[in-house]
Amino acid sequence: MRGRGWFLVGFLVLAVFAGLLAYGDVGQIGALLAGFPPGWFAAAAGLALLNYALRYVRWWLYLRALDAHVPHSVSLPVFMAGLALSITPGKVGEMLKSVWLSQRAGVPVAQSAPAVVMERLTDAIAVALLALAGLALLPPAVGALIGGALAALLIVGLLAASRYGTAVLRLPVLRRWREPLGQSQAGLRRLMSVRMLAAAVVLGGLAWAAEGVALWVIAVGLDESLSLGLAVPISAIAALVGAVTALPGGLIGFEGSMVALLQQAGMMAAAAAAATLLTRLATLWLAVLVGLLAWLWLSRMGRTDAGVAAKTDAGVEADADAVERAAC
C-alpha cells in the first residue's frame, strides 16, 4: 500500500478501538481486561496459530498441484509474510506472494497466482458454511443472502476454471488480478477439481473454526457463558461481514457485527466489546505481527539464483509489475 493506504488503515484502527471503548464504557472494559487471565489469551493466540498452520498446508498442497516445487524454507516465510497483507483492502495485497515466489524460487507469477485466488475463494466458501451453522442468529433474509453468496462463489470459481474464464476475469472482484490470471487457466482448472476443492474447503473450515474456538476461549476467560456452538458461527458471520465491507482487515464491519451478535447471545455491552477487542488482538493483529516478522526475514533472505534468473525473463517481470500495481 502507498502512504494514503497506510493512513487509512491507521485511522480505521484508531476509530475501531475508540468505538469499542466508548460503546462498552472505558472503565468497565478496563476492569475486564485487567482481570483477564493471560493463559486464556495465550490459548486463543495458539488457536490462531493453528489457523495459520492449516492454511499453510492448503497453500503447500496448491503449490504442489501447480508443479511449483518450492522448499518449505521459502514457501513458509512467503505464506507467513502474506498474513501482513490481510490488512490490504479485500486482501488483494496477498497477490504479492506470487511475486516473492518469483523472486526467491523462480516460480513464474502466472504459475502460482491461481493458488492465491483459490485461497480466497475456498476461505469464503468455508466461512460461509460455518456462518450458516448459526442460522438461528440471523434474520431469514440474511441467511438466504449468505446461501446465495455461497452458491455464487462456487459458480464463479467453476466458470473461472472453464473455457469462459476470460469473461469471469472481467468481474470487479477479479479485475485487478486479470493480467497475472489471464495466463493461469490451466492452473485454475487443476485447483478446481472436486478432490482438491473438497480438501481445500475442509482445511479452510477447520482453520476458521479454530478462530471461532478462540472467541469461545476468550469468552470463558471473561466468565461469560457463550457456548462453543454459538462462538464458531458468530466468528464466521463477523468475518463475512468484514469481507463484504472490503475495508482493510474487515475493520468496522467485523467488530460491529461481532459486538451485536455477542449481545444477541446474552453478553452485556462491555463484555461483548472486550471479547471483540481481545479476539482481534489474538487473531488479526497477531497475524499482522507474524507477517511483518516473516516479511523482514524474506527481505534479509534476498533472492536466490533462480529468482534472479526469473527476473531477467520479460514475461515474469511484466507479471510481477502487474501484481504489484494491483496490490497497491
C-alpha atoms as a PDB file:
ATOM      1  CA  MET A   1       0.000   0.000   0.000  1.00  0.00           C
ATOM      2  CA  ARG A   2       1.068   3.571  -0.554  1.00  0.00           C
ATOM      3  CA  GLY A   3       1.127   6.344   2.045  1.00  0.00           C
ATOM      4  CA  ARG A   4      -2.583   7.133   1.833  1.00  0.00           C
ATOM      5  CA  GLY A   5      -3.415   3.446   2.260  1.00  0.00           C
ATOM      6  CA  TRP A   6      -1.422   3.179   5.492  1.00  0.00           C
ATOM      7  CA  PHE A   7      -3.008   6.406   6.727  1.00  0.00           C
ATOM      8  CA  LEU A   8      -6.461   4.911   6.090  1.00  0.00           C
ATOM      9  CA  VAL A   9      -5.537   1.728   7.994  1.00  0.00           C
ATOM     10  CA  GLY A  10      -4.208   3.731  10.948  1.00  0.00           C
ATOM     11  CA  PHE A  11      -7.312   5.898  11.029  1.00  0.00           C
ATOM     12  CA  LEU A  12      -9.635   2.887  10.893  1.00  0.00           C
ATOM     13  CA  VAL A  13      -7.741   1.082  13.665  1.00  0.00           C
ATOM     14  CA  LEU A  14      -7.967   4.105  15.954  1.00  0.00           C
ATOM     15  CA  ALA A  15     -11.633   4.567  15.106  1.00  0.00           C
ATOM     16  CA  VAL A  16     -12.422   0.911  15.856  1.00  0.00           C
ATOM     17  CA  PHE A  17     -10.563   0.866  19.179  1.00  0.00           C
ATOM     18  CA  ALA A  18     -12.114   4.162  20.246  1.00  0.00           C
ATOM     19  CA  GLY A  19     -15.563   2.991  19.186  1.00  0.00           C
ATOM     20  CA  LEU A  20     -15.298  -0.270  21.141  1.00  0.00           C
ATOM     21  CA  LEU A  21     -14.069   1.514  24.256  1.00  0.00           C
ATOM     22  CA  ALA A  22     -16.783   4.143  24.043  1.00  0.00           C
ATOM     23  CA  TYR A  23     -19.565   1.659  23.357  1.00  0.00           C
ATOM     24  CA  GLY A  24     -18.634  -0.700  26.163  1.00  0.00           C
ATOM     25  CA  ASP A  25     -17.590   2.014  28.648  1.00  0.00           C
ATOM     26  CA  VAL A  26     -13.864   2.586  29.100  1.00  0.00           C
ATOM     27  CA  GLY A  27     -13.927   1.902  32.849  1.00  0.00           C
ATOM     28  CA  GLN A  28     -15.818  -1.397  32.574  1.00  0.00           C
ATOM     29  CA  ILE A  29     -13.700  -2.653  29.682  1.00  0.00           C
ATOM     30  CA  GLY A  30     -10.535  -1.657  31.524  1.00  0.00           C
ATOM     31  CA  ALA A  31     -11.619  -3.686  34.549  1.00  0.00           C
ATOM     32  CA  LEU A  32     -12.440  -6.718  32.405  1.00  0.00           C
ATOM     33  CA  LEU A  33      -9.099  -6.561  30.585  1.00  0.00           C
ATOM     34  CA  ALA A  34      -7.169  -6.092  33.849  1.00  0.00           C
ATOM     35  CA  GLY A  35      -8.727  -9.246  35.271  1.00  0.00           C
ATOM     36  CA  PHE A  36      -8.409 -11.325  32.111  1.00  0.00           C
ATOM     37  CA  PRO A  37      -6.149 -14.394  32.681  1.00  0.00           C
ATOM     38  CA  PRO A  38      -3.068 -14.235  30.395  1.00  0.00           C
ATOM     39  CA  GLY A  39      -3.205 -18.010  29.939  1.00  0.00           C
ATOM     40  CA  TRP A  40      -6.584 -17.779  28.216  1.00  0.00           C
ATOM     41  CA  PHE A  41      -5.243 -15.155  25.808  1.00  0.00           C
ATOM     42  CA  ALA A  42      -2.229 -17.386  25.080  1.00  0.00           C
ATOM     43  CA  ALA A  43      -4.638 -20.256  24.318  1.00  0.00           C
ATOM     44  CA  ALA A  44      -6.604 -18.033  21.908  1.00  0.00           C
ATOM     45  CA  ALA A  45      -3.362 -16.967  20.206  1.00  0.00           C
ATOM     46  CA  GLY A  46      -2.373 -20.638  19.938  1.00  0.00           C
ATOM     47  CA  LEU A  47      -5.636 -21.371  18.136  1.00  0.00           C
ATOM     48  CA  ALA A  48      -4.897 -18.508  15.747  1.00  0.00           C
ATOM     49  CA  LEU A  49      -1.501 -20.114  15.037  1.00  0.00           C
ATOM     50  CA  LEU A  50      -3.349 -23.367  14.312  1.00  0.00           C
ATOM     51  CA  ASN A  51      -5.411 -21.418  11.780  1.00  0.00           C
ATOM     52  CA  TYR A  52      -2.220 -20.289  10.024  1.00  0.00           C
ATOM     53  CA  ALA A  53      -0.757 -23.814  10.108  1.00  0.00           C
ATOM     54  CA  LEU A  54      -3.834 -25.382   8.474  1.00  0.00           C
ATOM     55  CA  ARG A  55      -3.941 -22.701   5.810  1.00  0.00           C
ATOM     56  CA  TYR A  56      -0.239 -23.244   5.134  1.00  0.00           C
ATOM     57  CA  VAL A  57      -0.922 -26.942   4.495  1.00  0.00           C
ATOM     58  CA  ARG A  58      -3.502 -25.890   1.908  1.00  0.00           C
ATOM     59  CA  TRP A  59      -1.029 -23.426   0.359  1.00  0.00           C
ATOM     60  CA  TRP A  60       1.598 -26.191   0.117  1.00  0.00           C
ATOM     61  CA  LEU A  61      -0.907 -28.578  -1.493  1.00  0.00           C
ATOM     62  CA  TYR A  62      -1.842 -25.898  -4.015  1.00  0.00           C
ATOM     63  CA  LEU A  63       1.782 -25.247  -4.992  1.00  0.00           C
ATOM     64  CA  ARG A  64       2.403 -28.971  -5.460  1.00  0.00           C
ATOM     65  CA  ALA A  65      -0.721 -29.283  -7.621  1.00  0.00           C
ATOM     66  CA  LEU A  66       0.610 -26.418  -9.762  1.00  0.00           C
ATOM     67  CA  ASP A  67       4.032 -28.132 -10.117  1.00  0.00           C
ATOM     68  CA  ALA A  68       5.645 -25.293  -8.157  1.00  0.00           C
ATOM     69  CA  HIS A  69       8.024 -27.396  -6.067  1.00  0.00           C
ATOM     70  CA  VAL A  70       9.212 -24.754  -3.620  1.00  0.00           C
ATOM     71  CA  PRO A  71      11.107 -25.810  -0.461  1.00  0.00           C
ATOM     72  CA  HIS A  72       9.433 -25.109   2.883  1.00  0.00           C
ATOM     73  CA  SER A  73      12.335 -22.760   3.699  1.00  0.00           C
ATOM     74  CA  VAL A  74      10.934 -20.431   1.017  1.00  0.00           C
ATOM     75  CA  SER A  75       7.220 -21.241   0.801  1.00  0.00           C
ATOM     76  CA  LEU A  76       6.651 -20.949   4.573  1.00  0.00           C
ATOM     77  CA  PRO A  77       8.072 -17.410   5.011  1.00  0.00           C
ATOM     78  CA  VAL A  78       6.316 -16.327   1.811  1.00  0.00           C
ATOM     79  CA  PHE A  79       2.996 -17.618   3.148  1.00  0.00           C
ATOM     80  CA  MET A  80       3.537 -16.104   6.595  1.00  0.00           C
ATOM     81  CA  ALA A  81       4.594 -12.737   5.124  1.00  0.00           C
ATOM     82  CA  GLY A  82       1.300 -12.743   3.248  1.00  0.00           C
ATOM     83  CA  LEU A  83      -0.515 -12.579   6.598  1.00  0.00           C
ATOM     84  CA  ALA A  84       0.680  -8.985   6.974  1.00  0.00           C
ATOM     85  CA  LEU A  85      -1.185  -8.181   3.763  1.00  0.00           C
ATOM     86  CA  SER A  86      -4.521  -9.206   5.269  1.00  0.00           C
ATOM     87  CA  ILE A  87      -4.966  -5.541   6.161  1.00  0.00           C
ATOM     88  CA  THR A  88      -4.967  -4.521   2.491  1.00  0.00           C
ATOM     89  CA  PRO A  89      -8.468  -3.812   1.086  1.00  0.00           C
ATOM     90  CA  GLY A  90     -10.077  -7.123   0.131  1.00  0.00           C
ATOM     91  CA  LYS A  91      -6.707  -8.811   0.897  1.00  0.00           C
ATOM     92  CA  VAL A  92      -5.703  -8.019  -2.682  1.00  0.00           C
ATOM     93  CA  GLY A  93      -2.140  -7.402  -1.478  1.00  0.00           C
ATOM     94  CA  GLU A  94      -1.724 -11.146  -0.899  1.00  0.00           C
ATOM     95  CA  MET A  95      -1.025 -11.462  -4.620  1.00  0.00           C
ATOM     96  CA  LEU A  96       2.460 -10.253  -3.706  1.00  0.00           C
ATOM     97  CA  LYS A  97       3.105 -13.816  -2.526  1.00  0.00           C
ATOM     98  CA  SER A  98       3.363 -14.758  -6.186  1.00  0.00           C
ATOM     99  CA  VAL A  99       5.913 -12.003  -6.723  1.00  0.00           C
ATOM    100  CA  TRP A 100       8.008 -13.235  -3.793  1.00  0.00           C
ATOM    101  CA  LEU A 101       7.924 -16.808  -5.123  1.00  0.00           C
ATOM    102  CA  SER A 102       9.074 -15.475  -8.470  1.00  0.00           C
ATOM    103  CA  GLN A 103      11.944 -13.552  -6.912  1.00  0.00           C
ATOM    104  CA  ARG A 104      13.103 -16.227  -4.478  1.00  0.00           C
ATOM    105  CA  ALA A 105      12.293 -19.510  -6.173  1.00  0.00           C
ATOM    106  CA  GLY A 106      11.984 -18.691  -9.861  1.00  0.00           C
ATOM    107  CA  VAL A 107       8.282 -19.633  -9.990  1.00  0.00           C
ATOM    108  CA  PRO A 108       6.518 -17.500 -12.635  1.00  0.00           C
ATOM    109  CA  VAL A 109       3.803 -15.274 -11.217  1.00  0.00           C
ATOM    110  CA  ALA A 110       1.230 -16.730 -13.611  1.00  0.00           C
ATOM    111  CA  GLN A 111       2.013 -20.229 -12.307  1.00  0.00           C
ATOM    112  CA  SER A 112       1.395 -19.511  -8.615  1.00  0.00           C
ATOM    113  CA  ALA A 113      -1.344 -16.850  -8.937  1.00  0.00           C
ATOM    114  CA  PRO A 114      -4.170 -19.441  -9.005  1.00  0.00           C
ATOM    115  CA  ALA A 115      -3.100 -20.626  -5.543  1.00  0.00           C
ATOM    116  CA  VAL A 116      -3.623 -17.148  -4.081  1.00  0.00           C
ATOM    117  CA  VAL A 117      -7.007 -16.727  -5.757  1.00  0.00           C
ATOM    118  CA  MET A 118      -8.184 -20.168  -4.690  1.00  0.00           C
ATOM    119  CA  GLU A 119      -7.115 -19.453  -1.100  1.00  0.00           C
ATOM    120  CA  ARG A 120      -9.507 -16.533  -1.025  1.00  0.00           C
ATOM    121  CA  LEU A 121     -12.299 -18.443  -2.757  1.00  0.00           C
ATOM    122  CA  THR A 122     -12.118 -21.520  -0.507  1.00  0.00           C
ATOM    123  CA  ASP A 123     -11.787 -19.312   2.586  1.00  0.00           C
ATOM    124  CA  ALA A 124     -15.006 -17.557   1.606  1.00  0.00           C
ATOM    125  CA  ILE A 125     -16.789 -20.876   0.992  1.00  0.00           C
ATOM    126  CA  ALA A 126     -15.574 -22.351   4.294  1.00  0.00           C
ATOM    127  CA  VAL A 127     -16.515 -19.260   6.308  1.00  0.00           C
ATOM    128  CA  ALA A 128     -19.936 -19.104   4.658  1.00  0.00           C
ATOM    129  CA  LEU A 129     -20.583 -22.749   5.600  1.00  0.00           C
ATOM    130  CA  LEU A 130     -19.564 -22.050   9.207  1.00  0.00           C
ATOM    131  CA  ALA A 131     -21.794 -18.973   9.247  1.00  0.00           C
ATOM    132  CA  LEU A 132     -24.768 -20.988   8.025  1.00  0.00           C
ATOM    133  CA  ALA A 133     -24.365 -23.179  11.104  1.00  0.00           C
ATOM    134  CA  GLY A 134     -25.606 -20.164  13.069  1.00  0.00           C
ATOM    135  CA  LEU A 135     -28.815 -19.583  11.141  1.00  0.00           C
ATOM    136  CA  ALA A 136     -30.725 -19.118  14.396  1.00  0.00           C
ATOM    137  CA  LEU A 137     -28.704 -15.945  14.989  1.00  0.00           C
ATOM    138  CA  LEU A 138     -29.595 -14.493  11.621  1.00  0.00           C
ATOM    139  CA  PRO A 139     -32.734 -12.948  10.155  1.00  0.00           C
ATOM    140  CA  PRO A 140     -34.095 -15.244   7.393  1.00  0.00           C
ATOM    141  CA  ALA A 141     -33.184 -12.702   4.712  1.00  0.00           C
ATOM    142  CA  VAL A 142     -29.538 -12.609   5.852  1.00  0.00           C
ATOM    143  CA  GLY A 143     -29.339 -16.406   5.922  1.00  0.00           C
ATOM    144  CA  ALA A 144     -30.719 -16.534   2.393  1.00  0.00           C
ATOM    145  CA  LEU A 145     -28.192 -13.892   1.330  1.00  0.00           C
ATOM    146  CA  ILE A 146     -25.286 -15.945   2.717  1.00  0.00           C
ATOM    147  CA  GLY A 147     -26.608 -19.064   0.990  1.00  0.00           C
ATOM    148  CA  GLY A 148     -26.895 -17.143  -2.272  1.00  0.00           C
ATOM    149  CA  ALA A 149     -23.380 -15.765  -1.887  1.00  0.00           C
ATOM    150  CA  LEU A 150     -22.060 -19.288  -1.287  1.00  0.00           C
ATOM    151  CA  ALA A 151     -23.700 -20.525  -4.469  1.00  0.00           C
ATOM    152  CA  ALA A 152     -22.358 -17.523  -6.395  1.00  0.00           C
ATOM    153  CA  LEU A 153     -18.812 -18.194  -5.169  1.00  0.00           C
ATOM    154  CA  LEU A 154     -18.980 -21.774  -6.385  1.00  0.00           C
ATOM    155  CA  ILE A 155     -20.354 -20.708  -9.763  1.00  0.00           C
ATOM    156  CA  VAL A 156     -17.683 -18.016 -10.241  1.00  0.00           C
ATOM    157  CA  GLY A 157     -14.941 -20.473  -9.322  1.00  0.00           C
ATOM    158  CA  LEU A 158     -16.218 -23.122 -11.726  1.00  0.00           C
ATOM    159  CA  LEU A 159     -16.579 -20.591 -14.533  1.00  0.00           C
ATOM    160  CA  ALA A 160     -13.092 -19.172 -13.877  1.00  0.00           C
ATOM    161  CA  ALA A 161     -11.643 -22.641 -14.362  1.00  0.00           C
ATOM    162  CA  SER A 162     -13.681 -23.270 -17.521  1.00  0.00           C
ATOM    163  CA  ARG A 163     -13.265 -22.007 -21.064  1.00  0.00           C
ATOM    164  CA  TYR A 164     -15.307 -18.964 -20.004  1.00  0.00           C
ATOM    165  CA  GLY A 165     -12.596 -17.937 -17.551  1.00  0.00           C
ATOM    166  CA  THR A 166     -11.542 -14.880 -19.535  1.00  0.00           C
ATOM    167  CA  ALA A 167     -15.044 -13.410 -19.217  1.00  0.00           C
ATOM    168  CA  VAL A 168     -15.106 -14.131 -15.470  1.00  0.00           C
ATOM    169  CA  LEU A 169     -11.870 -12.187 -15.019  1.00  0.00           C
ATOM    170  CA  ARG A 170     -13.766  -9.040 -16.043  1.00  0.00           C
ATOM    171  CA  LEU A 171     -15.787  -9.199 -12.815  1.00  0.00           C
ATOM    172  CA  PRO A 172     -14.965  -6.359 -10.357  1.00  0.00           C
ATOM    173  CA  VAL A 173     -13.636  -8.781  -7.713  1.00  0.00           C
ATOM    174  CA  LEU A 174     -11.101 -10.327 -10.103  1.00  0.00           C
ATOM    175  CA  ARG A 175     -10.431  -7.430 -12.473  1.00  0.00           C
ATOM    176  CA  ARG A 176      -7.383  -6.197 -10.551  1.00  0.00           C
ATOM    177  CA  TRP A 177      -5.771  -9.636 -10.958  1.00  0.00           C
ATOM    178  CA  ARG A 178      -6.720 -10.008 -14.617  1.00  0.00           C
ATOM    179  CA  GLU A 179      -3.211  -9.758 -16.063  1.00  0.00           C
ATOM    180  CA  PRO A 180      -1.479 -12.438 -13.947  1.00  0.00           C
ATOM    181  CA  LEU A 181      -4.534 -14.706 -14.022  1.00  0.00           C
ATOM    182  CA  GLY A 182      -5.032 -14.426 -17.760  1.00  0.00           C
ATOM    183  CA  GLN A 183      -2.221 -16.931 -18.280  1.00  0.00           C
ATOM    184  CA  SER A 184      -3.327 -19.228 -15.449  1.00  0.00           C
ATOM    185  CA  GLN A 185      -6.436 -21.000 -16.743  1.00  0.00           C
ATOM    186  CA  ALA A 186      -4.824 -24.461 -16.686  1.00  0.00           C
ATOM    187  CA  GLY A 187      -3.729 -23.954 -13.077  1.00  0.00           C
ATOM    188  CA  LEU A 188      -7.199 -22.825 -12.011  1.00  0.00           C
ATOM    189  CA  ARG A 189      -8.704 -25.945 -13.587  1.00  0.00           C
ATOM    190  CA  ARG A 190      -6.355 -28.151 -11.581  1.00  0.00           C
ATOM    191  CA  LEU A 191      -7.244 -26.440  -8.315  1.00  0.00           C
ATOM    192  CA  MET A 192     -10.978 -26.581  -9.078  1.00  0.00           C
ATOM    193  CA  SER A 193     -11.022 -30.389  -9.306  1.00  0.00           C
ATOM    194  CA  VAL A 194     -13.588 -31.914  -6.953  1.00  0.00           C
ATOM    195  CA  ARG A 195     -10.950 -33.625  -4.798  1.00  0.00           C
ATOM    196  CA  MET A 196      -8.748 -30.534  -4.479  1.00  0.00           C
ATOM    197  CA  LEU A 197     -11.697 -28.220  -3.839  1.00  0.00           C
ATOM    198  CA  ALA A 198     -13.091 -30.521  -1.130  1.00  0.00           C
ATOM    199  CA  ALA A 199      -9.717 -30.828   0.618  1.00  0.00           C
ATOM    200  CA  ALA A 200      -9.183 -27.063   0.488  1.00  0.00           C
ATOM    201  CA  VAL A 201     -12.638 -26.261   1.889  1.00  0.00           C
ATOM    202  CA  VAL A 202     -12.200 -28.791   4.725  1.00  0.00           C
ATOM    203  CA  LEU A 203      -8.807 -27.318   5.649  1.00  0.00           C
ATOM    204  CA  GLY A 204     -10.257 -23.802   5.433  1.00  0.00           C
ATOM    205  CA  GLY A 205     -13.248 -24.792   7.545  1.00  0.00           C
ATOM    206  CA  LEU A 206     -11.030 -26.274  10.266  1.00  0.00           C
ATOM    207  CA  ALA A 207      -8.768 -23.216  10.151  1.00  0.00           C
ATOM    208  CA  TRP A 208     -11.553 -20.672  10.552  1.00  0.00           C
ATOM    209  CA  ALA A 209     -13.372 -22.824  13.112  1.00  0.00           C
ATOM    210  CA  ALA A 210     -10.183 -22.555  15.201  1.00  0.00           C
ATOM    211  CA  GLU A 211     -10.701 -18.775  15.317  1.00  0.00           C
ATOM    212  CA  GLY A 212     -14.271 -19.378  16.479  1.00  0.00           C
ATOM    213  CA  VAL A 213     -12.921 -21.576  19.261  1.00  0.00           C
ATOM    214  CA  ALA A 214     -10.523 -18.728  20.112  1.00  0.00           C
ATOM    215  CA  LEU A 215     -13.546 -16.454  20.604  1.00  0.00           C
ATOM    216  CA  TRP A 216     -15.094 -19.073  22.892  1.00  0.00           C
ATOM    217  CA  VAL A 217     -11.852 -19.322  24.916  1.00  0.00           C
ATOM    218  CA  ILE A 218     -11.817 -15.551  25.356  1.00  0.00           C
ATOM    219  CA  ALA A 219     -15.471 -15.580  26.454  1.00  0.00           C
ATOM    220  CA  VAL A 220     -14.647 -18.230  29.062  1.00  0.00           C
ATOM    221  CA  GLY A 221     -11.752 -16.087  30.275  1.00  0.00           C
ATOM    222  CA  LEU A 222     -14.210 -13.229  30.724  1.00  0.00           C
ATOM    223  CA  ASP A 223     -16.518 -15.517  32.752  1.00  0.00           C
ATOM    224  CA  GLU A 224     -19.191 -15.403  30.070  1.00  0.00           C
ATOM    225  CA  SER A 225     -21.392 -18.396  29.269  1.00  0.00           C
ATOM    226  CA  LEU A 226     -21.124 -18.239  25.471  1.00  0.00           C
ATOM    227  CA  SER A 227     -21.431 -21.763  24.042  1.00  0.00           C
ATOM    228  CA  LEU A 228     -18.924 -23.157  21.542  1.00  0.00           C
ATOM    229  CA  GLY A 229     -21.811 -23.848  19.164  1.00  0.00           C
ATOM    230  CA  LEU A 230     -22.549 -20.115  19.057  1.00  0.00           C
ATOM    231  CA  ALA A 231     -18.970 -18.827  19.143  1.00  0.00           C
ATOM    232  CA  VAL A 232     -17.913 -20.509  15.879  1.00  0.00           C
ATOM    233  CA  PRO A 233     -20.763 -19.162  13.694  1.00  0.00           C
ATOM    234  CA  ILE A 234     -20.554 -15.721  15.346  1.00  0.00           C
ATOM    235  CA  SER A 235     -16.869 -15.533  14.415  1.00  0.00           C
ATOM    236  CA  ALA A 236     -17.648 -16.687  10.876  1.00  0.00           C
ATOM    237  CA  ILE A 237     -20.528 -14.248  10.381  1.00  0.00           C
ATOM    238  CA  ALA A 238     -18.358 -11.366  11.604  1.00  0.00           C
ATOM    239  CA  ALA A 239     -15.614 -12.412   9.185  1.00  0.00           C
ATOM    240  CA  LEU A 240     -18.114 -12.468   6.310  1.00  0.00           C
ATOM    241  CA  VAL A 241     -19.465  -9.023   7.169  1.00  0.00           C
ATOM    242  CA  GLY A 242     -15.910  -7.704   7.370  1.00  0.00           C
ATOM    243  CA  ALA A 243     -15.100  -9.219   3.979  1.00  0.00           C
ATOM    244  CA  VAL A 244     -18.183  -7.662   2.385  1.00  0.00           C
ATOM    245  CA  THR A 245     -17.107  -4.188   3.520  1.00  0.00           C
ATOM    246  CA  ALA A 246     -13.768  -4.733   1.663  1.00  0.00           C
ATOM    247  CA  LEU A 247     -12.127  -2.389   4.183  1.00  0.00           C
ATOM    248  CA  PRO A 248      -8.575  -3.257   5.330  1.00  0.00           C
ATOM    249  CA  GLY A 249      -8.723  -6.287   7.614  1.00  0.00           C
ATOM    250  CA  GLY A 250     -12.532  -6.155   7.560  1.00  0.00           C
ATOM    251  CA  LEU A 251     -12.293  -3.320  10.094  1.00  0.00           C
ATOM    252  CA  ILE A 252     -15.528  -1.821  11.429  1.00  0.00           C
ATOM    253  CA  GLY A 253     -17.730  -4.452   9.777  1.00  0.00           C
ATOM    254  CA  PHE A 254     -16.147  -7.301  11.736  1.00  0.00           C
ATOM    255  CA  GLU A 255     -16.133  -5.509  15.072  1.00  0.00           C
ATOM    256  CA  GLY A 256     -19.608  -4.040  14.755  1.00  0.00           C
ATOM    257  CA  SER A 257     -21.233  -7.334  13.758  1.00  0.00           C
ATOM    258  CA  MET A 258     -19.395  -9.348  16.421  1.00  0.00           C
ATOM    259  CA  VAL A 259     -20.411  -6.968  19.208  1.00  0.00           C
ATOM    260  CA  ALA A 260     -24.038  -7.067  18.024  1.00  0.00           C
ATOM    261  CA  LEU A 261     -24.095 -10.878  17.766  1.00  0.00           C
ATOM    262  CA  LEU A 262     -22.430 -11.380  21.153  1.00  0.00           C
ATOM    263  CA  GLN A 263     -25.023  -9.123  22.757  1.00  0.00           C
ATOM    264  CA  GLN A 264     -27.769 -11.050  20.989  1.00  0.00           C
ATOM    265  CA  ALA A 265     -26.225 -14.192  22.514  1.00  0.00           C
ATOM    266  CA  GLY A 266     -26.608 -12.700  26.005  1.00  0.00           C
ATOM    267  CA  MET A 267     -23.446 -10.694  26.710  1.00  0.00           C
ATOM    268  CA  MET A 268     -23.541  -7.211  28.176  1.00  0.00           C
ATOM    269  CA  ALA A 269     -22.126  -4.365  26.065  1.00  0.00           C
ATOM    270  CA  ALA A 270     -18.833  -4.094  27.985  1.00  0.00           C
ATOM    271  CA  ALA A 271     -18.153  -7.852  27.839  1.00  0.00           C
ATOM    272  CA  ALA A 272     -19.054  -8.012  24.133  1.00  0.00           C
ATOM    273  CA  ALA A 273     -16.722  -5.106  23.332  1.00  0.00           C
ATOM    274  CA  ALA A 274     -13.906  -6.590  25.442  1.00  0.00           C
ATOM    275  CA  ALA A 275     -14.316 -10.021  23.827  1.00  0.00           C
ATOM    276  CA  THR A 276     -14.212  -8.467  20.360  1.00  0.00           C
ATOM    277  CA  LEU A 277     -11.120  -6.427  21.205  1.00  0.00           C
ATOM    278  CA  LEU A 278      -9.255  -9.442  22.616  1.00  0.00           C
ATOM    279  CA  THR A 279     -10.315 -11.648  19.701  1.00  0.00           C
ATOM    280  CA  ARG A 280      -8.956  -9.174  17.162  1.00  0.00           C
ATOM    281  CA  LEU A 281      -5.685  -8.873  19.074  1.00  0.00           C
ATOM    282  CA  ALA A 282      -5.303 -12.662  19.192  1.00  0.00           C
ATOM    283  CA  THR A 283      -6.212 -13.209  15.529  1.00  0.00           C
ATOM    284  CA  LEU A 284      -5.903 -10.299  13.088  1.00  0.00           C
ATOM    285  CA  TRP A 285      -3.196  -8.313  14.824  1.00  0.00           C
ATOM    286  CA  LEU A 286      -1.194 -11.394  15.742  1.00  0.00           C
ATOM    287  CA  ALA A 287      -1.329 -12.361  12.061  1.00  0.00           C
ATOM    288  CA  VAL A 288      -0.085  -8.929  11.040  1.00  0.00           C
ATOM    289  CA  LEU A 289       2.771  -9.125  13.556  1.00  0.00           C
ATOM    290  CA  VAL A 290       3.792 -12.615  12.415  1.00  0.00           C
ATOM    291  CA  GLY A 291       3.513 -11.493   8.799  1.00  0.00           C
ATOM    292  CA  LEU A 292       5.714  -8.445   9.327  1.00  0.00           C
ATOM    293  CA  LEU A 293       8.389 -10.586  11.016  1.00  0.00           C
ATOM    294  CA  ALA A 294       8.277 -13.045   8.106  1.00  0.00           C
ATOM    295  CA  TRP A 295       8.452 -10.141   5.646  1.00  0.00           C
ATOM    296  CA  LEU A 296      11.590  -8.912   7.404  1.00  0.00           C
ATOM    297  CA  TRP A 297      13.038 -12.435   7.185  1.00  0.00           C
ATOM    298  CA  LEU A 298      12.260 -12.540   3.456  1.00  0.00           C
ATOM    299  CA  SER A 299      13.960  -9.199   2.873  1.00  0.00           C
ATOM    300  CA  ARG A 300      17.093 -10.475   4.600  1.00  0.00           C
ATOM    301  CA  MET A 301      16.946 -13.763   2.727  1.00  0.00           C
ATOM    302  CA  GLY A 302      17.402 -11.961  -0.576  1.00  0.00           C
ATOM    303  CA  ARG A 303      16.796 -13.502  -3.956  1.00  0.00           C
ATOM    304  CA  THR A 304      18.025 -16.921  -4.975  1.00  0.00           C
ATOM    305  CA  ASP A 305      19.905 -17.524  -8.203  1.00  0.00           C
ATOM    306  CA  ALA A 306      16.696 -18.963  -9.634  1.00  0.00           C
ATOM    307  CA  GLY A 307      14.825 -15.860  -8.613  1.00  0.00           C
ATOM    308  CA  VAL A 308      17.418 -13.570 -10.187  1.00  0.00           C
ATOM    309  CA  ALA A 309      17.249 -15.624 -13.360  1.00  0.00           C
ATOM    310  CA  ALA A 310      13.472 -15.377 -13.359  1.00  0.00           C
ATOM    311  CA  LYS A 311      13.654 -11.595 -13.047  1.00  0.00           C
ATOM    312  CA  THR A 312      15.538 -11.495 -16.336  1.00  0.00           C
ATOM    313  CA  ASP A 313      12.567 -13.107 -18.060  1.00  0.00           C
ATOM    314  CA  ALA A 314      10.466 -10.311 -19.596  1.00  0.00           C
ATOM    315  CA  GLY A 315       7.174 -12.175 -19.146  1.00  0.00           C
ATOM    316  CA  VAL A 316       7.757 -12.828 -15.448  1.00  0.00           C
ATOM    317  CA  GLU A 317       8.836  -9.247 -14.860  1.00  0.00           C
ATOM    318  CA  ALA A 318       5.681  -7.972 -16.551  1.00  0.00           C
ATOM    319  CA  ASP A 319       3.515 -10.282 -14.442  1.00  0.00           C
ATOM    320  CA  ALA A 320       5.224  -9.160 -11.241  1.00  0.00           C
ATOM    321  CA  ASP A 321       4.767  -5.498 -12.137  1.00  0.00           C
ATOM    322  CA  ALA A 322       1.071  -6.096 -12.813  1.00  0.00           C
ATOM    323  CA  VAL A 323       0.555  -7.768  -9.451  1.00  0.00           C
ATOM    324  CA  GLU A 324       2.447  -5.048  -7.582  1.00  0.00           C
ATOM    325  CA  ARG A 325       0.299  -2.373  -9.241  1.00  0.00           C
ATOM    326  CA  ALA A 326      -2.880  -4.261  -8.252  1.00  0.00           C
ATOM    327  CA  ALA A 327      -1.715  -4.743  -4.683  1.00  0.00           C
ATOM    328  CA  CYS A 328      -1.017  -1.079  -4.195  1.00  0.00           C
END
